[in-house]
Amino acid sequence: PRLPPASPSVARALAWIEAAPDAEVSLSELAAACDVSRFQLIRGFLRDVGTTPHAYRIQLRVRLARRHLRQGHALAEAAQLAGFADQSHLTRAFLRQFGITPGRYRDAMR
């Protein structure tokens, strides 16, 4: 089923996050760019998207890393390109989202 359209502030936050999922933007900066408080942004995000802005950004980063792995990048390089602090951070997030480690995913793609 289609979700109802997001509120204007959440739509702006989504566009901001999707434009640069690897960028380090604090919740305060994101909320200020959307003209709402941090708490309003989190509540609106939970209501309209079903998750927090941080969790949404991590999900996008994991998908970006998966794309880099499919293109043949090394694990550490894919983690860096996707905006993760290190390979282990990518591995934890990847495993949580897909139920498989990025190394096994890369090996399966070969």
C-alpha atoms as a PDB file:
ATOM      1  CA  PRO A   1       0.000   0.000   0.000  1.00  0.00           C
ATOM      2  CA  ARG A   2       1.109   3.527  -0.692  1.00  0.00           C
ATOM      3  CA  LEU A   3       1.945   5.724   2.248  1.00  0.00           C
ATOM      4  CA  PRO A   4       0.278   9.107   2.531  1.00  0.00           C
ATOM      5  CA  PRO A   5       2.535  11.988   1.504  1.00  0.00           C
ATOM      6  CA  ALA A   6       4.970  13.151   4.146  1.00  0.00           C
ATOM      7  CA  SER A   7       4.522  16.487   5.851  1.00  0.00           C
ATOM      8  CA  PRO A   8       6.513  19.363   4.283  1.00  0.00           C
ATOM      9  CA  SER A   9       9.193  19.331   6.986  1.00  0.00           C
ATOM     10  CA  VAL A  10       9.651  15.549   6.743  1.00  0.00           C
ATOM     11  CA  ALA A  11       9.689  15.748   2.932  1.00  0.00           C
ATOM     12  CA  ARG A  12      12.492  18.326   3.162  1.00  0.00           C
ATOM     13  CA  ALA A  13      14.415  16.142   5.599  1.00  0.00           C
ATOM     14  CA  LEU A  14      13.990  13.105   3.336  1.00  0.00           C
ATOM     15  CA  ALA A  15      15.247  15.061   0.331  1.00  0.00           C
ATOM     16  CA  TRP A  16      18.221  16.330   2.351  1.00  0.00           C
ATOM     17  CA  ILE A  17      19.176  12.854   3.602  1.00  0.00           C
ATOM     18  CA  GLU A  18      18.654  11.174   0.223  1.00  0.00           C
ATOM     19  CA  ALA A  19      20.757  13.806  -1.559  1.00  0.00           C
ATOM     20  CA  ALA A  20      23.804  12.949   0.549  1.00  0.00           C
ATOM     21  CA  PRO A  21      23.352   9.859   2.742  1.00  0.00           C
ATOM     22  CA  ASP A  22      27.094   9.758   3.430  1.00  0.00           C
ATOM     23  CA  ALA A  23      27.156  13.333   4.798  1.00  0.00           C
ATOM     24  CA  GLU A  24      27.502  13.896   8.529  1.00  0.00           C
ATOM     25  CA  VAL A  25      24.605  16.195   9.457  1.00  0.00           C
ATOM     26  CA  SER A  26      23.448  16.461  13.034  1.00  0.00           C
ATOM     27  CA  LEU A  27      19.810  16.175  13.981  1.00  0.00           C
ATOM     28  CA  SER A  28      19.889  19.831  15.078  1.00  0.00           C
ATOM     29  CA  GLU A  29      21.191  20.960  11.673  1.00  0.00           C
ATOM     30  CA  LEU A  30      18.623  18.845   9.851  1.00  0.00           C
ATOM     31  CA  ALA A  31      15.776  20.149  12.014  1.00  0.00           C
ATOM     32  CA  ALA A  32      16.909  23.755  11.544  1.00  0.00           C
ATOM     33  CA  ALA A  33      17.016  23.263   7.759  1.00  0.00           C
ATOM     34  CA  CYS A  34      13.413  21.997   7.958  1.00  0.00           C
ATOM     35  CA  ASP A  35      12.241  24.828  10.257  1.00  0.00           C
ATOM     36  CA  VAL A  36      11.138  22.515  13.080  1.00  0.00           C
ATOM     37  CA  SER A  37      12.554  21.433  16.406  1.00  0.00           C
ATOM     38  CA  ARG A  38      14.507  18.195  16.731  1.00  0.00           C
ATOM     39  CA  PHE A  39      11.609  16.635  18.594  1.00  0.00           C
ATOM     40  CA  GLN A  40       9.044  17.682  15.973  1.00  0.00           C
ATOM     41  CA  LEU A  41      11.261  16.248  13.250  1.00  0.00           C
ATOM     42  CA  ILE A  42      11.675  12.905  15.024  1.00  0.00           C
ATOM     43  CA  ARG A  43       7.933  12.618  15.746  1.00  0.00           C
ATOM     44  CA  GLY A  44       7.043  13.571  12.169  1.00  0.00           C
ATOM     45  CA  PHE A  45       9.600  11.160  10.749  1.00  0.00           C
ATOM     46  CA  LEU A  46       8.292   8.319  12.902  1.00  0.00           C
ATOM     47  CA  ARG A  47       4.721   9.119  11.854  1.00  0.00           C
ATOM     48  CA  ASP A  48       5.394   9.566   8.110  1.00  0.00           C
ATOM     49  CA  VAL A  49       8.351   7.227   7.466  1.00  0.00           C
ATOM     50  CA  GLY A  50       8.136   4.735  10.316  1.00  0.00           C
ATOM     51  CA  THR A  51      11.670   5.236  11.577  1.00  0.00           C
ATOM     52  CA  THR A  52      13.965   7.961  12.887  1.00  0.00           C
ATOM     53  CA  PRO A  53      16.091  10.186  10.627  1.00  0.00           C
ATOM     54  CA  HIS A  54      19.262   8.476  11.858  1.00  0.00           C
ATOM     55  CA  ALA A  55      17.949   4.964  11.188  1.00  0.00           C
ATOM     56  CA  TYR A  56      16.745   6.070   7.755  1.00  0.00           C
ATOM     57  CA  ARG A  57      20.203   7.456   6.941  1.00  0.00           C
ATOM     58  CA  ILE A  58      21.866   4.206   8.066  1.00  0.00           C
ATOM     59  CA  GLN A  59      19.483   2.205   5.853  1.00  0.00           C
ATOM     60  CA  LEU A  60      20.410   4.375   2.871  1.00  0.00           C
ATOM     61  CA  ARG A  61      24.112   3.999   3.643  1.00  0.00           C
ATOM     62  CA  VAL A  62      23.819   0.213   3.806  1.00  0.00           C
ATOM     63  CA  ARG A  63      22.074   0.149   0.430  1.00  0.00           C
ATOM     64  CA  LEU A  64      24.758   2.447  -0.974  1.00  0.00           C
ATOM     65  CA  ALA A  65      27.485   0.139   0.371  1.00  0.00           C
ATOM     66  CA  ARG A  66      25.689  -2.847  -1.171  1.00  0.00           C
ATOM     67  CA  ARG A  67      25.746  -1.051  -4.533  1.00  0.00           C
ATOM     68  CA  HIS A  68      29.502  -0.417  -4.154  1.00  0.00           C
ATOM     69  CA  LEU A  69      30.090  -4.083  -3.297  1.00  0.00           C
ATOM     70  CA  ARG A  70      28.200  -5.145  -6.427  1.00  0.00           C
ATOM     71  CA  GLN A  71      30.496  -2.851  -8.412  1.00  0.00           C
ATOM     72  CA  GLY A  72      33.506  -4.761  -7.069  1.00  0.00           C
ATOM     73  CA  HIS A  73      34.812  -2.408  -4.363  1.00  0.00           C
ATOM     74  CA  ALA A  74      36.641  -3.859  -1.377  1.00  0.00           C
ATOM     75  CA  LEU A  75      34.743  -3.989   1.924  1.00  0.00           C
ATOM     76  CA  ALA A  76      36.684  -1.193   3.590  1.00  0.00           C
ATOM     77  CA  GLU A  77      36.406   0.971   0.487  1.00  0.00           C
ATOM     78  CA  ALA A  78      32.651   0.372   0.217  1.00  0.00           C
ATOM     79  CA  ALA A  79      32.278   1.302   3.888  1.00  0.00           C
ATOM     80  CA  GLN A  80      34.207   4.510   3.393  1.00  0.00           C
ATOM     81  CA  LEU A  81      32.351   5.457   0.203  1.00  0.00           C
ATOM     82  CA  ALA A  82      29.001   4.889   1.910  1.00  0.00           C
ATOM     83  CA  GLY A  83      29.919   7.109   4.861  1.00  0.00           C
ATOM     84  CA  PHE A  84      30.556   4.513   7.553  1.00  0.00           C
ATOM     85  CA  ALA A  85      33.267   5.117  10.138  1.00  0.00           C
ATOM     86  CA  ASP A  86      34.913   1.778   9.395  1.00  0.00           C
ATOM     87  CA  GLN A  87      34.324  -1.694   8.006  1.00  0.00           C
ATOM     88  CA  SER A  88      33.029  -3.112  11.284  1.00  0.00           C
ATOM     89  CA  HIS A  89      30.369  -0.392  11.488  1.00  0.00           C
ATOM     90  CA  LEU A  90      29.234  -1.353   7.977  1.00  0.00           C
ATOM     91  CA  THR A  91      29.261  -5.047   8.887  1.00  0.00           C
ATOM     92  CA  ARG A  92      27.013  -4.535  11.928  1.00  0.00           C
ATOM     93  CA  ALA A  93      24.522  -2.399   9.999  1.00  0.00           C
ATOM     94  CA  PHE A  94      24.578  -4.665   6.921  1.00  0.00           C
ATOM     95  CA  LEU A  95      23.994  -7.783   9.015  1.00  0.00           C
ATOM     96  CA  ARG A  96      21.122  -6.107  10.870  1.00  0.00           C
ATOM     97  CA  GLN A  97      19.448  -4.994   7.639  1.00  0.00           C
ATOM     98  CA  PHE A  98      20.050  -7.962   5.329  1.00  0.00           C
ATOM     99  CA  GLY A  99      20.840 -10.862   7.680  1.00  0.00           C
ATOM    100  CA  ILE A 100      24.160 -11.560   5.952  1.00  0.00           C
ATOM    101  CA  THR A 101      27.608 -10.028   6.315  1.00  0.00           C
ATOM    102  CA  PRO A 102      28.893  -7.796   3.526  1.00  0.00           C
ATOM    103  CA  GLY A 103      31.755 -10.220   2.894  1.00  0.00           C
ATOM    104  CA  ARG A 104      29.381 -13.107   2.279  1.00  0.00           C
ATOM    105  CA  TYR A 105      27.205 -10.870   0.133  1.00  0.00           C
ATOM    106  CA  ARG A 106      30.224  -9.852  -1.958  1.00  0.00           C
ATOM    107  CA  ASP A 107      31.320 -13.488  -2.304  1.00  0.00           C
ATOM    108  CA  ALA A 108      27.811 -14.508  -3.404  1.00  0.00           C
ATOM    109  CA  MET A 109      27.858 -11.789  -6.069  1.00  0.00           C
ATOM    110  CA  ARG A 110      31.003 -13.245  -7.653  1.00  0.00           C
END
